[in-house]
Amino acid sequence: MPTFVVAGGLKLPESEVIAQYLCDKYATSGPSLTPDTAEARACCNLATRVHDVYIAAAQGAMYRGPMDRGARANGIAEIAKQIAVLEEIATRTPGPFIAGTEKSTADAALFPTFIFIEFLLPKYFGWRDAFAKAPNLKTWYAAMLADADAKATYDEVRGGLEAWESAGRFQKVGIVDDVADGSYTWAY
């Protein structure tokens, strides 16, 4: 779980709480990251909530271990389910971003996790494409990659994943052996 430590020692966990704090603290500088309409704000908040409650709870199945094989398979299934939910949310507002034409706190919350999803699920879990059933999320991901700030995040997270791969992490934590067990569903 991310935790942001504010000057003075206040600790703020949860990506949505951190994002809202930063938006409030720096409301007069930079982009607002808060959508203009109540409907777009609701979509932004819903997408972040889906991420924080459902995807974040399951995402360790992509890289943690050792863990129970069934638990790993259930986590991957939950990620697939929540990608479908986010795909539907992304259709509710026009624009390449989750909640419209401008980046929002939802984009900031989702993007780092989707770097893991895009890298790990095809490579280690047999998914043809992380966005095969999510064309709106694919468009969103491309828009994020075209953004300089998001690209810097991508480079940092992707570099960490590649370092884990070079160190043999995915073999060491049992992912390679788990996925070899065809009695579970790994690819969606």
C-alpha atoms as a PDB file:
ATOM      1  CA  MET A   1       0.000   0.000   0.000  1.00  0.00           C
ATOM      2  CA  PRO A   2       1.412   3.409  -0.800  1.00  0.00           C
ATOM      3  CA  THR A   3       1.943   5.759   2.119  1.00  0.00           C
ATOM      4  CA  PHE A   4       2.721   9.437   1.769  1.00  0.00           C
ATOM      5  CA  VAL A   5       4.426  11.140   4.697  1.00  0.00           C
ATOM      6  CA  VAL A   6       3.572  14.830   4.952  1.00  0.00           C
ATOM      7  CA  ALA A   7       6.066  17.298   6.403  1.00  0.00           C
ATOM      8  CA  GLY A   8       5.457  17.116  10.136  1.00  0.00           C
ATOM      9  CA  GLY A   9       4.988  13.351  10.085  1.00  0.00           C
ATOM     10  CA  LEU A  10       1.330  12.874   9.103  1.00  0.00           C
ATOM     11  CA  LYS A  11       1.123   9.518   7.283  1.00  0.00           C
ATOM     12  CA  LEU A  12      -1.491   9.163   4.563  1.00  0.00           C
ATOM     13  CA  PRO A  13      -2.150   5.682   3.170  1.00  0.00           C
ATOM     14  CA  GLU A  14      -4.301   4.822   0.113  1.00  0.00           C
ATOM     15  CA  SER A  15      -3.744   6.293  -3.325  1.00  0.00           C
ATOM     16  CA  GLU A  16      -7.057   8.196  -3.416  1.00  0.00           C
ATOM     17  CA  VAL A  17      -6.389   9.883  -0.063  1.00  0.00           C
ATOM     18  CA  ILE A  18      -2.878  10.823  -1.186  1.00  0.00           C
ATOM     19  CA  ALA A  19      -4.125  12.143  -4.519  1.00  0.00           C
ATOM     20  CA  GLN A  20      -6.873  14.220  -2.904  1.00  0.00           C
ATOM     21  CA  TYR A  21      -4.412  15.651  -0.374  1.00  0.00           C
ATOM     22  CA  LEU A  22      -2.025  16.674  -3.166  1.00  0.00           C
ATOM     23  CA  CYS A  23      -4.865  18.170  -5.218  1.00  0.00           C
ATOM     24  CA  ASP A  24      -6.005  20.200  -2.196  1.00  0.00           C
ATOM     25  CA  LYS A  25      -2.494  21.218  -1.160  1.00  0.00           C
ATOM     26  CA  TYR A  26      -1.474  22.348  -4.653  1.00  0.00           C
ATOM     27  CA  ALA A  27      -4.841  23.503  -5.996  1.00  0.00           C
ATOM     28  CA  THR A  28      -3.364  26.729  -7.353  1.00  0.00           C
ATOM     29  CA  SER A  29      -0.450  25.210  -9.278  1.00  0.00           C
ATOM     30  CA  GLY A  30      -0.337  22.765 -12.169  1.00  0.00           C
ATOM     31  CA  PRO A  31      -3.266  20.859 -13.610  1.00  0.00           C
ATOM     32  CA  SER A  32      -6.126  20.289 -11.175  1.00  0.00           C
ATOM     33  CA  LEU A  33      -6.476  16.511 -11.860  1.00  0.00           C
ATOM     34  CA  THR A  34     -10.113  16.980 -10.836  1.00  0.00           C
ATOM     35  CA  PRO A  35     -12.647  16.595 -13.654  1.00  0.00           C
ATOM     36  CA  ASP A  36     -14.904  19.565 -14.426  1.00  0.00           C
ATOM     37  CA  THR A  37     -18.319  17.904 -14.183  1.00  0.00           C
ATOM     38  CA  ALA A  38     -20.000  15.981 -11.396  1.00  0.00           C
ATOM     39  CA  GLU A  39     -20.448  13.011 -13.744  1.00  0.00           C
ATOM     40  CA  ALA A  40     -16.784  12.921 -14.723  1.00  0.00           C
ATOM     41  CA  ARG A  41     -15.747  13.323 -11.068  1.00  0.00           C
ATOM     42  CA  ALA A  42     -17.990  10.386 -10.175  1.00  0.00           C
ATOM     43  CA  CYS A  43     -16.335   8.247 -12.882  1.00  0.00           C
ATOM     44  CA  CYS A  44     -12.919   9.355 -11.644  1.00  0.00           C
ATOM     45  CA  ASN A  45     -13.792   8.409  -8.063  1.00  0.00           C
ATOM     46  CA  LEU A  46     -15.374   5.122  -9.123  1.00  0.00           C
ATOM     47  CA  ALA A  47     -12.338   4.063 -11.157  1.00  0.00           C
ATOM     48  CA  THR A  48     -10.009   4.900  -8.282  1.00  0.00           C
ATOM     49  CA  ARG A  49     -12.231   3.025  -5.841  1.00  0.00           C
ATOM     50  CA  VAL A  50     -12.246  -0.072  -8.092  1.00  0.00           C
ATOM     51  CA  HIS A  51      -8.464   0.140  -8.233  1.00  0.00           C
ATOM     52  CA  ASP A  52      -7.923   0.642  -4.513  1.00  0.00           C
ATOM     53  CA  VAL A  53     -10.470  -1.890  -3.243  1.00  0.00           C
ATOM     54  CA  TYR A  54     -10.337  -4.669  -5.838  1.00  0.00           C
ATOM     55  CA  ILE A  55      -7.241  -4.500  -8.038  1.00  0.00           C
ATOM     56  CA  ALA A  56      -4.766  -3.439  -5.361  1.00  0.00           C
ATOM     57  CA  ALA A  57      -5.950  -6.314  -3.174  1.00  0.00           C
ATOM     58  CA  ALA A  58      -5.314  -8.811  -5.985  1.00  0.00           C
ATOM     59  CA  GLN A  59      -2.293  -7.398  -7.807  1.00  0.00           C
ATOM     60  CA  GLY A  60       0.240  -9.214  -5.620  1.00  0.00           C
ATOM     61  CA  ALA A  61      -0.756 -12.379  -7.475  1.00  0.00           C
ATOM     62  CA  MET A  62       1.274 -11.036 -10.402  1.00  0.00           C
ATOM     63  CA  TYR A  63       4.570 -10.730  -8.502  1.00  0.00           C
ATOM     64  CA  ARG A  64       4.482 -11.895  -4.870  1.00  0.00           C
ATOM     65  CA  GLY A  65       5.311 -15.264  -3.528  1.00  0.00           C
ATOM     66  CA  PRO A  66       5.643 -17.905  -2.756  1.00  0.00           C
ATOM     67  CA  MET A  67       1.873 -18.142  -2.404  1.00  0.00           C
ATOM     68  CA  ASP A  68      -0.840 -20.722  -2.639  1.00  0.00           C
ATOM     69  CA  ARG A  69      -1.363 -21.554  -6.318  1.00  0.00           C
ATOM     70  CA  GLY A  70      -5.137 -21.314  -6.062  1.00  0.00           C
ATOM     71  CA  ALA A  71      -4.858 -17.922  -4.380  1.00  0.00           C
ATOM     72  CA  ARG A  72      -2.592 -16.723  -7.196  1.00  0.00           C
ATOM     73  CA  ALA A  73      -5.065 -17.974  -9.822  1.00  0.00           C
ATOM     74  CA  ASN A  74      -7.945 -16.282  -7.988  1.00  0.00           C
ATOM     75  CA  GLY A  75      -5.994 -13.021  -7.875  1.00  0.00           C
ATOM     76  CA  ILE A  76      -5.347 -13.138 -11.617  1.00  0.00           C
ATOM     77  CA  ALA A  77      -9.047 -13.875 -12.224  1.00  0.00           C
ATOM     78  CA  GLU A  78     -10.001 -10.888 -10.059  1.00  0.00           C
ATOM     79  CA  ILE A  79      -7.666  -8.621 -12.029  1.00  0.00           C
ATOM     80  CA  ALA A  80      -9.306  -9.789 -15.267  1.00  0.00           C
ATOM     81  CA  LYS A  81     -12.749  -9.124 -13.804  1.00  0.00           C
ATOM     82  CA  GLN A  82     -11.805  -5.625 -12.645  1.00  0.00           C
ATOM     83  CA  ILE A  83     -10.200  -4.759 -15.982  1.00  0.00           C
ATOM     84  CA  ALA A  84     -13.644  -5.414 -17.488  1.00  0.00           C
ATOM     85  CA  VAL A  85     -15.235  -3.134 -14.873  1.00  0.00           C
ATOM     86  CA  LEU A  86     -12.723  -0.360 -15.613  1.00  0.00           C
ATOM     87  CA  GLU A  87     -13.276  -0.826 -19.347  1.00  0.00           C
ATOM     88  CA  GLU A  88     -16.958  -0.093 -18.804  1.00  0.00           C
ATOM     89  CA  ILE A  89     -16.192   2.944 -16.612  1.00  0.00           C
ATOM     90  CA  ALA A  90     -13.871   4.284 -19.312  1.00  0.00           C
ATOM     91  CA  THR A  91     -16.795   4.342 -21.763  1.00  0.00           C
ATOM     92  CA  ARG A  92     -18.843   6.730 -19.627  1.00  0.00           C
ATOM     93  CA  THR A  93     -16.989   9.945 -20.477  1.00  0.00           C
ATOM     94  CA  PRO A  94     -15.550  11.037 -23.836  1.00  0.00           C
ATOM     95  CA  GLY A  95     -11.805  11.369 -24.092  1.00  0.00           C
ATOM     96  CA  PRO A  96      -8.700   9.307 -23.932  1.00  0.00           C
ATOM     97  CA  PHE A  97      -8.377   9.458 -20.140  1.00  0.00           C
ATOM     98  CA  ILE A  98     -10.366   7.509 -17.565  1.00  0.00           C
ATOM     99  CA  ALA A  99     -12.650  10.423 -16.721  1.00  0.00           C
ATOM    100  CA  GLY A 100     -12.563  12.549 -19.852  1.00  0.00           C
ATOM    101  CA  THR A 101     -10.281  14.679 -21.954  1.00  0.00           C
ATOM    102  CA  GLU A 102      -7.876  15.687 -19.155  1.00  0.00           C
ATOM    103  CA  LYS A 103      -5.810  13.576 -16.761  1.00  0.00           C
ATOM    104  CA  SER A 104      -7.324  13.025 -13.334  1.00  0.00           C
ATOM    105  CA  THR A 105      -6.451  11.400 -10.057  1.00  0.00           C
ATOM    106  CA  ALA A 106      -7.898   8.163 -11.456  1.00  0.00           C
ATOM    107  CA  ASP A 107      -5.232   8.110 -14.155  1.00  0.00           C
ATOM    108  CA  ALA A 108      -2.542   8.678 -11.544  1.00  0.00           C
ATOM    109  CA  ALA A 109      -3.869   5.832  -9.395  1.00  0.00           C
ATOM    110  CA  LEU A 110      -4.380   3.306 -12.189  1.00  0.00           C
ATOM    111  CA  PHE A 111      -1.366   3.865 -14.398  1.00  0.00           C
ATOM    112  CA  PRO A 112       1.411   2.367 -12.224  1.00  0.00           C
ATOM    113  CA  THR A 113      -0.659  -0.777 -11.669  1.00  0.00           C
ATOM    114  CA  PHE A 114      -1.351  -1.089 -15.375  1.00  0.00           C
ATOM    115  CA  ILE A 115       2.370  -0.988 -16.069  1.00  0.00           C
ATOM    116  CA  PHE A 116       2.584  -4.190 -14.013  1.00  0.00           C
ATOM    117  CA  ILE A 117      -0.464  -5.613 -15.807  1.00  0.00           C
ATOM    118  CA  GLU A 118       0.838  -4.807 -19.299  1.00  0.00           C
ATOM    119  CA  PHE A 119       4.299  -6.229 -18.556  1.00  0.00           C
ATOM    120  CA  LEU A 120       3.508  -9.296 -16.453  1.00  0.00           C
ATOM    121  CA  LEU A 121       0.214 -10.761 -17.639  1.00  0.00           C
ATOM    122  CA  PRO A 122       1.229 -11.398 -21.268  1.00  0.00           C
ATOM    123  CA  LYS A 123       4.797 -12.382 -20.436  1.00  0.00           C
ATOM    124  CA  TYR A 124       4.219 -14.688 -17.458  1.00  0.00           C
ATOM    125  CA  PHE A 125       0.527 -15.579 -17.392  1.00  0.00           C
ATOM    126  CA  GLY A 126      -0.114 -16.232 -21.086  1.00  0.00           C
ATOM    127  CA  TRP A 127      -2.450 -13.346 -21.864  1.00  0.00           C
ATOM    128  CA  ARG A 128      -2.394 -12.571 -25.574  1.00  0.00           C
ATOM    129  CA  ASP A 129      -2.584  -8.850 -24.768  1.00  0.00           C
ATOM    130  CA  ALA A 130      -3.421  -7.160 -21.459  1.00  0.00           C
ATOM    131  CA  PHE A 131      -5.893  -4.964 -23.358  1.00  0.00           C
ATOM    132  CA  ALA A 132      -7.339  -7.558 -25.753  1.00  0.00           C
ATOM    133  CA  LYS A 133     -10.814  -7.220 -24.217  1.00  0.00           C
ATOM    134  CA  ALA A 134     -10.406  -3.575 -23.214  1.00  0.00           C
ATOM    135  CA  PRO A 135     -10.007  -1.275 -26.247  1.00  0.00           C
ATOM    136  CA  ASN A 136     -10.900   1.848 -24.260  1.00  0.00           C
ATOM    137  CA  LEU A 137      -8.231   1.042 -21.681  1.00  0.00           C
ATOM    138  CA  LYS A 138      -5.777   0.417 -24.513  1.00  0.00           C
ATOM    139  CA  THR A 139      -6.506   3.911 -25.861  1.00  0.00           C
ATOM    140  CA  TRP A 140      -6.144   5.302 -22.334  1.00  0.00           C
ATOM    141  CA  TYR A 141      -2.815   3.510 -21.803  1.00  0.00           C
ATOM    142  CA  ALA A 142      -1.467   4.907 -25.092  1.00  0.00           C
ATOM    143  CA  ALA A 143      -2.573   8.412 -24.072  1.00  0.00           C
ATOM    144  CA  MET A 144      -0.779   7.997 -20.759  1.00  0.00           C
ATOM    145  CA  LEU A 145       2.398   6.832 -22.501  1.00  0.00           C
ATOM    146  CA  ALA A 146       2.266   9.960 -24.672  1.00  0.00           C
ATOM    147  CA  ASP A 147       2.245  12.171 -21.559  1.00  0.00           C
ATOM    148  CA  ALA A 148       5.722  13.204 -20.352  1.00  0.00           C
ATOM    149  CA  ASP A 149       4.952  12.833 -16.629  1.00  0.00           C
ATOM    150  CA  ALA A 150       3.316   9.451 -17.086  1.00  0.00           C
ATOM    151  CA  LYS A 151       6.180   8.323 -19.326  1.00  0.00           C
ATOM    152  CA  ALA A 152       8.639   9.113 -16.509  1.00  0.00           C
ATOM    153  CA  THR A 153       6.551   6.925 -14.191  1.00  0.00           C
ATOM    154  CA  TYR A 154       6.454   4.216 -16.847  1.00  0.00           C
ATOM    155  CA  ASP A 155      10.226   4.257 -17.253  1.00  0.00           C
ATOM    156  CA  GLU A 156      10.784   3.976 -13.494  1.00  0.00           C
ATOM    157  CA  VAL A 157       8.259   1.190 -12.883  1.00  0.00           C
ATOM    158  CA  ARG A 158       9.151  -0.722 -16.040  1.00  0.00           C
ATOM    159  CA  GLY A 159      12.841  -0.492 -15.115  1.00  0.00           C
ATOM    160  CA  GLY A 160      12.056  -2.024 -11.735  1.00  0.00           C
ATOM    161  CA  LEU A 161      10.100  -4.863 -13.335  1.00  0.00           C
ATOM    162  CA  GLU A 162      12.921  -5.552 -15.773  1.00  0.00           C
ATOM    163  CA  ALA A 163      15.397  -5.609 -12.863  1.00  0.00           C
ATOM    164  CA  TRP A 164      13.182  -8.121 -11.039  1.00  0.00           C
ATOM    165  CA  GLU A 165      13.067 -10.213 -14.198  1.00  0.00           C
ATOM    166  CA  SER A 166      16.851 -10.098 -14.612  1.00  0.00           C
ATOM    167  CA  ALA A 167      17.247 -11.203 -10.997  1.00  0.00           C
ATOM    168  CA  GLY A 168      14.976 -14.202 -11.613  1.00  0.00           C
ATOM    169  CA  ARG A 169      12.267 -12.988  -9.243  1.00  0.00           C
ATOM    170  CA  PHE A 170       9.391 -14.573 -11.132  1.00  0.00           C
ATOM    171  CA  GLN A 171      11.007 -17.997 -10.987  1.00  0.00           C
ATOM    172  CA  LYS A 172      12.034 -17.565  -7.334  1.00  0.00           C
ATOM    173  CA  VAL A 173       8.557 -16.632  -6.110  1.00  0.00           C
ATOM    174  CA  GLY A 174       6.970 -19.570  -7.947  1.00  0.00           C
ATOM    175  CA  ILE A 175       5.122 -17.834 -10.761  1.00  0.00           C
ATOM    176  CA  VAL A 176       6.738 -19.832 -13.556  1.00  0.00           C
ATOM    177  CA  ASP A 177       5.965 -23.135 -11.795  1.00  0.00           C
ATOM    178  CA  ASP A 178       2.444 -22.022 -10.854  1.00  0.00           C
ATOM    179  CA  VAL A 179       1.524 -21.038 -14.401  1.00  0.00           C
ATOM    180  CA  ALA A 180       2.856 -24.365 -15.686  1.00  0.00           C
ATOM    181  CA  ASP A 181       0.008 -26.011 -13.743  1.00  0.00           C
ATOM    182  CA  GLY A 182      -2.675 -26.235 -16.414  1.00  0.00           C
ATOM    183  CA  SER A 183      -5.396 -27.131 -13.935  1.00  0.00           C
ATOM    184  CA  TYR A 184      -5.814 -23.390 -13.266  1.00  0.00           C
ATOM    185  CA  THR A 185      -6.848 -20.610 -15.617  1.00  0.00           C
ATOM    186  CA  TRP A 186      -4.117 -18.003 -16.030  1.00  0.00           C
ATOM    187  CA  ALA A 187      -4.846 -16.278 -19.338  1.00  0.00           C
ATOM    188  CA  TYR A 188      -7.918 -14.139 -19.951  1.00  0.00           C
END
